[in-house]
Amino acid sequence: MGLTILKKKTGYALGLLLCIIGILILLVVLWNLYQARAALTSLSDLSKQLFEGEFSVFGIKLELIGLKLIHYTLLSVILLVVGGGILIARREKIPVVEEVNVLLECPYCKNQWRETMSKPHLESMGYPKVRTISRRKCSKCAKFIRPKIVTTEE
């Protein structure tokens, strides 16, 4: 896995705005439930308050088409899900370092295995002139060797 950068595409701000609005609505609903905590002694009282409670902001009741706290709770959850989906969908991973699959071979037992290396790292070791890389332990013969590069695939 190489080094990548997350690029935000257009529409990312819309997802962020929907998430912020959803969080704010949910916080106001929780504040309304907190204000009515004196009447909330059991779970049935909480559900009654959610289904019958009025939505108020700073003591001002907002009666928008007769919506109750449960409607605002559902709206905030929907906004959070849609906004989170947009945030996830509107980003792109851009690789910064190109990776190369390298087939290595032990000079003693001729065991071959694949490794992934970054292209600049491979070139800094002198590839393609130098066909061996730094020391590694062979998984078959258990010797510390300088494996030979058999092939490379981009």
C-alpha atoms as a PDB file:
ATOM      1  CA  MET A   1       0.000   0.000   0.000  1.00  0.00           C
ATOM      2  CA  GLY A   2       1.550   3.218  -1.139  1.00  0.00           C
ATOM      3  CA  LEU A   3       1.241   6.798  -0.091  1.00  0.00           C
ATOM      4  CA  THR A   4      -2.098   8.316  -1.168  1.00  0.00           C
ATOM      5  CA  ILE A   5      -3.798  11.690  -0.933  1.00  0.00           C
ATOM      6  CA  LEU A   6      -7.556  12.116  -0.461  1.00  0.00           C
ATOM      7  CA  LYS A   7      -8.923  14.583  -3.012  1.00  0.00           C
ATOM      8  CA  LYS A   8     -12.310  16.097  -2.260  1.00  0.00           C
ATOM      9  CA  LYS A   9     -14.525  16.432  -5.335  1.00  0.00           C
ATOM     10  CA  THR A  10     -17.392  18.870  -5.911  1.00  0.00           C
ATOM     11  CA  GLY A  11     -20.366  18.238  -3.654  1.00  0.00           C
ATOM     12  CA  TYR A  12     -18.218  17.559  -0.597  1.00  0.00           C
ATOM     13  CA  ALA A  13     -19.374  20.834   0.989  1.00  0.00           C
ATOM     14  CA  LEU A  14     -23.014  19.779   0.534  1.00  0.00           C
ATOM     15  CA  GLY A  15     -22.377  16.558   2.453  1.00  0.00           C
ATOM     16  CA  LEU A  16     -20.623  18.496   5.202  1.00  0.00           C
ATOM     17  CA  LEU A  17     -23.497  20.998   5.397  1.00  0.00           C
ATOM     18  CA  LEU A  18     -26.100  18.211   5.640  1.00  0.00           C
ATOM     19  CA  CYS A  19     -24.123  16.549   8.439  1.00  0.00           C
ATOM     20  CA  ILE A  20     -23.841  19.820  10.362  1.00  0.00           C
ATOM     21  CA  ILE A  21     -27.585  20.538  10.002  1.00  0.00           C
ATOM     22  CA  GLY A  22     -28.410  16.974  11.101  1.00  0.00           C
ATOM     23  CA  ILE A  23     -26.176  17.290  14.175  1.00  0.00           C
ATOM     24  CA  LEU A  24     -27.686  20.673  15.092  1.00  0.00           C
ATOM     25  CA  ILE A  25     -31.264  19.359  14.824  1.00  0.00           C
ATOM     26  CA  LEU A  26     -30.351  16.317  16.902  1.00  0.00           C
ATOM     27  CA  LEU A  27     -28.754  18.534  19.554  1.00  0.00           C
ATOM     28  CA  VAL A  28     -31.897  20.689  19.743  1.00  0.00           C
ATOM     29  CA  VAL A  29     -34.061  17.562  20.128  1.00  0.00           C
ATOM     30  CA  LEU A  30     -31.800  16.308  22.902  1.00  0.00           C
ATOM     31  CA  TRP A  31     -31.958  19.737  24.562  1.00  0.00           C
ATOM     32  CA  ASN A  32     -35.776  19.635  24.426  1.00  0.00           C
ATOM     33  CA  LEU A  33     -35.723  16.185  26.036  1.00  0.00           C
ATOM     34  CA  TYR A  34     -33.316  17.475  28.674  1.00  0.00           C
ATOM     35  CA  GLN A  35     -35.616  20.402  29.445  1.00  0.00           C
ATOM     36  CA  ALA A  36     -38.516  17.965  29.961  1.00  0.00           C
ATOM     37  CA  ARG A  37     -36.451  15.656  32.180  1.00  0.00           C
ATOM     38  CA  ALA A  38     -38.609  16.348  35.256  1.00  0.00           C
ATOM     39  CA  ALA A  39     -41.487  14.489  33.611  1.00  0.00           C
ATOM     40  CA  LEU A  40     -39.226  11.695  32.322  1.00  0.00           C
ATOM     41  CA  THR A  41     -39.045   8.992  34.947  1.00  0.00           C
ATOM     42  CA  SER A  42     -39.280   5.911  32.736  1.00  0.00           C
ATOM     43  CA  LEU A  43     -38.773   4.768  29.175  1.00  0.00           C
ATOM     44  CA  SER A  44     -42.490   5.090  28.435  1.00  0.00           C
ATOM     45  CA  ASP A  45     -42.329   8.753  29.491  1.00  0.00           C
ATOM     46  CA  LEU A  46     -39.412   9.268  27.111  1.00  0.00           C
ATOM     47  CA  SER A  47     -41.292   7.726  24.184  1.00  0.00           C
ATOM     48  CA  LYS A  48     -44.403   9.744  25.098  1.00  0.00           C
ATOM     49  CA  GLN A  49     -42.327  12.938  25.109  1.00  0.00           C
ATOM     50  CA  LEU A  50     -40.770  12.015  21.730  1.00  0.00           C
ATOM     51  CA  PHE A  51     -44.126  11.282  20.103  1.00  0.00           C
ATOM     52  CA  GLU A  52     -46.133  14.100  21.701  1.00  0.00           C
ATOM     53  CA  GLY A  53     -43.532  16.726  22.648  1.00  0.00           C
ATOM     54  CA  GLU A  54     -43.344  20.022  20.838  1.00  0.00           C
ATOM     55  CA  PHE A  55     -40.164  21.316  19.214  1.00  0.00           C
ATOM     56  CA  SER A  56     -38.870  24.513  20.790  1.00  0.00           C
ATOM     57  CA  VAL A  57     -35.700  26.504  20.321  1.00  0.00           C
ATOM     58  CA  PHE A  58     -34.675  28.787  23.215  1.00  0.00           C
ATOM     59  CA  GLY A  59     -38.181  28.556  24.678  1.00  0.00           C
ATOM     60  CA  ILE A  60     -39.875  29.510  21.398  1.00  0.00           C
ATOM     61  CA  LYS A  61     -42.204  26.745  20.200  1.00  0.00           C
ATOM     62  CA  LEU A  62     -41.936  26.064  16.508  1.00  0.00           C
ATOM     63  CA  GLU A  63     -45.139  24.488  15.259  1.00  0.00           C
ATOM     64  CA  LEU A  64     -44.204  23.655  11.695  1.00  0.00           C
ATOM     65  CA  ILE A  65     -47.048  21.598  10.213  1.00  0.00           C
ATOM     66  CA  GLY A  66     -47.609  19.882  13.561  1.00  0.00           C
ATOM     67  CA  LEU A  67     -44.285  18.040  13.615  1.00  0.00           C
ATOM     68  CA  LYS A  68     -43.294  16.339  16.863  1.00  0.00           C
ATOM     69  CA  LEU A  69     -39.853  15.618  18.302  1.00  0.00           C
ATOM     70  CA  ILE A  70     -39.776  12.174  16.696  1.00  0.00           C
ATOM     71  CA  HIS A  71     -40.153  13.748  13.238  1.00  0.00           C
ATOM     72  CA  TYR A  72     -37.187  16.035  13.862  1.00  0.00           C
ATOM     73  CA  THR A  73     -35.181  13.093  15.212  1.00  0.00           C
ATOM     74  CA  LEU A  74     -35.876  11.072  12.069  1.00  0.00           C
ATOM     75  CA  LEU A  75     -35.073  14.087   9.881  1.00  0.00           C
ATOM     76  CA  SER A  76     -31.723  14.585  11.623  1.00  0.00           C
ATOM     77  CA  VAL A  77     -30.815  10.894  11.259  1.00  0.00           C
ATOM     78  CA  ILE A  78     -31.711  10.983   7.556  1.00  0.00           C
ATOM     79  CA  LEU A  79     -29.638  14.151   7.055  1.00  0.00           C
ATOM     80  CA  LEU A  80     -26.673  12.543   8.840  1.00  0.00           C
ATOM     81  CA  VAL A  81     -26.878   9.366   6.740  1.00  0.00           C
ATOM     82  CA  VAL A  82     -27.253  11.232   3.427  1.00  0.00           C
ATOM     83  CA  GLY A  83     -24.534  13.746   4.341  1.00  0.00           C
ATOM     84  CA  GLY A  84     -22.168  10.972   5.464  1.00  0.00           C
ATOM     85  CA  GLY A  85     -22.850   9.066   2.247  1.00  0.00           C
ATOM     86  CA  ILE A  86     -22.040  12.146   0.181  1.00  0.00           C
ATOM     87  CA  LEU A  87     -18.837  12.716   2.184  1.00  0.00           C
ATOM     88  CA  ILE A  88     -17.702   9.151   1.533  1.00  0.00           C
ATOM     89  CA  ALA A  89     -18.738   9.113  -2.134  1.00  0.00           C
ATOM     90  CA  ARG A  90     -17.231  12.479  -3.049  1.00  0.00           C
ATOM     91  CA  ARG A  91     -13.607  11.769  -2.256  1.00  0.00           C
ATOM     92  CA  GLU A  92     -10.951  10.175  -4.412  1.00  0.00           C
ATOM     93  CA  LYS A  93      -7.722   8.444  -3.481  1.00  0.00           C
ATOM     94  CA  ILE A  94      -4.794   9.602  -5.582  1.00  0.00           C
ATOM     95  CA  PRO A  95      -1.589   7.554  -5.378  1.00  0.00           C
ATOM     96  CA  VAL A  96       1.504   9.673  -4.804  1.00  0.00           C
ATOM     97  CA  VAL A  97       4.147   6.953  -5.136  1.00  0.00           C
ATOM     98  CA  GLU A  98       3.992   4.421  -7.951  1.00  0.00           C
ATOM     99  CA  GLU A  99       4.329   0.833  -6.760  1.00  0.00           C
ATOM    100  CA  VAL A 100       5.928  -2.081  -8.579  1.00  0.00           C
ATOM    101  CA  ASN A 101       5.478  -5.825  -8.029  1.00  0.00           C
ATOM    102  CA  VAL A 102       8.895  -7.489  -7.964  1.00  0.00           C
ATOM    103  CA  LEU A 103       9.598 -11.211  -8.346  1.00  0.00           C
ATOM    104  CA  LEU A 104      12.634 -12.079  -6.207  1.00  0.00           C
ATOM    105  CA  GLU A 105      14.740 -15.247  -6.228  1.00  0.00           C
ATOM    106  CA  CYS A 106      17.061 -16.752  -3.635  1.00  0.00           C
ATOM    107  CA  PRO A 107      20.512 -17.405  -5.204  1.00  0.00           C
ATOM    108  CA  TYR A 108      20.997 -20.607  -3.128  1.00  0.00           C
ATOM    109  CA  CYS A 109      17.699 -22.532  -3.133  1.00  0.00           C
ATOM    110  CA  LYS A 110      16.098 -20.743  -6.136  1.00  0.00           C
ATOM    111  CA  ASN A 111      12.955 -20.022  -4.084  1.00  0.00           C
ATOM    112  CA  GLN A 112      10.867 -17.245  -5.678  1.00  0.00           C
ATOM    113  CA  TRP A 113       8.442 -14.803  -4.014  1.00  0.00           C
ATOM    114  CA  ARG A 114       6.714 -11.525  -4.814  1.00  0.00           C
ATOM    115  CA  GLU A 115       7.133  -8.234  -2.991  1.00  0.00           C
ATOM    116  CA  THR A 116       5.676  -4.790  -3.582  1.00  0.00           C
ATOM    117  CA  MET A 117       8.119  -1.878  -3.634  1.00  0.00           C
ATOM    118  CA  SER A 118       7.880   1.759  -4.544  1.00  0.00           C
ATOM    119  CA  LYS A 119       9.426   2.612  -7.892  1.00  0.00           C
ATOM    120  CA  PRO A 120      11.700   5.392  -6.517  1.00  0.00           C
ATOM    121  CA  HIS A 121      12.987   3.016  -3.800  1.00  0.00           C
ATOM    122  CA  LEU A 122      13.796   0.383  -6.407  1.00  0.00           C
ATOM    123  CA  GLU A 123      15.558   2.930  -8.621  1.00  0.00           C
ATOM    124  CA  SER A 124      17.552   4.282  -5.666  1.00  0.00           C
ATOM    125  CA  MET A 125      19.025   0.796  -5.158  1.00  0.00           C
ATOM    126  CA  GLY A 126      20.425   0.932  -8.693  1.00  0.00           C
ATOM    127  CA  TYR A 127      17.787  -1.003 -10.626  1.00  0.00           C
ATOM    128  CA  PRO A 128      17.954  -1.946 -13.587  1.00  0.00           C
ATOM    129  CA  LYS A 129      21.777  -2.023 -13.553  1.00  0.00           C
ATOM    130  CA  VAL A 130      21.971  -3.708 -10.171  1.00  0.00           C
ATOM    131  CA  ARG A 131      19.768  -6.803 -10.164  1.00  0.00           C
ATOM    132  CA  THR A 132      20.036  -7.548  -6.422  1.00  0.00           C
ATOM    133  CA  ILE A 133      18.373  -5.756  -3.543  1.00  0.00           C
ATOM    134  CA  SER A 134      19.110  -5.315   0.146  1.00  0.00           C
ATOM    135  CA  ARG A 135      19.423  -8.317   2.453  1.00  0.00           C
ATOM    136  CA  ARG A 136      16.406 -10.404   3.293  1.00  0.00           C
ATOM    137  CA  LYS A 137      15.819 -13.760   4.903  1.00  0.00           C
ATOM    138  CA  CYS A 138      14.727 -16.508   2.531  1.00  0.00           C
ATOM    139  CA  SER A 139      11.573 -18.197   3.785  1.00  0.00           C
ATOM    140  CA  LYS A 140      12.636 -21.597   2.395  1.00  0.00           C
ATOM    141  CA  CYS A 141      16.335 -21.997   3.296  1.00  0.00           C
ATOM    142  CA  ALA A 142      16.311 -19.447   6.191  1.00  0.00           C
ATOM    143  CA  LYS A 143      19.571 -17.784   5.061  1.00  0.00           C
ATOM    144  CA  PHE A 144      20.181 -14.060   4.941  1.00  0.00           C
ATOM    145  CA  ILE A 145      20.718 -13.336   1.271  1.00  0.00           C
ATOM    146  CA  ARG A 146      20.695 -10.578  -1.302  1.00  0.00           C
ATOM    147  CA  PRO A 147      17.855 -11.788  -3.545  1.00  0.00           C
ATOM    148  CA  LYS A 148      18.014 -11.351  -7.310  1.00  0.00           C
ATOM    149  CA  ILE A 149      15.309  -9.443  -9.150  1.00  0.00           C
ATOM    150  CA  VAL A 150      13.838 -11.782 -11.744  1.00  0.00           C
ATOM    151  CA  THR A 151      11.042  -9.555 -13.131  1.00  0.00           C
ATOM    152  CA  THR A 152       9.173  -6.391 -12.342  1.00  0.00           C
ATOM    153  CA  GLU A 153       5.503  -5.602 -13.086  1.00  0.00           C
ATOM    154  CA  GLU A 154       3.956  -2.159 -12.828  1.00  0.00           C
END
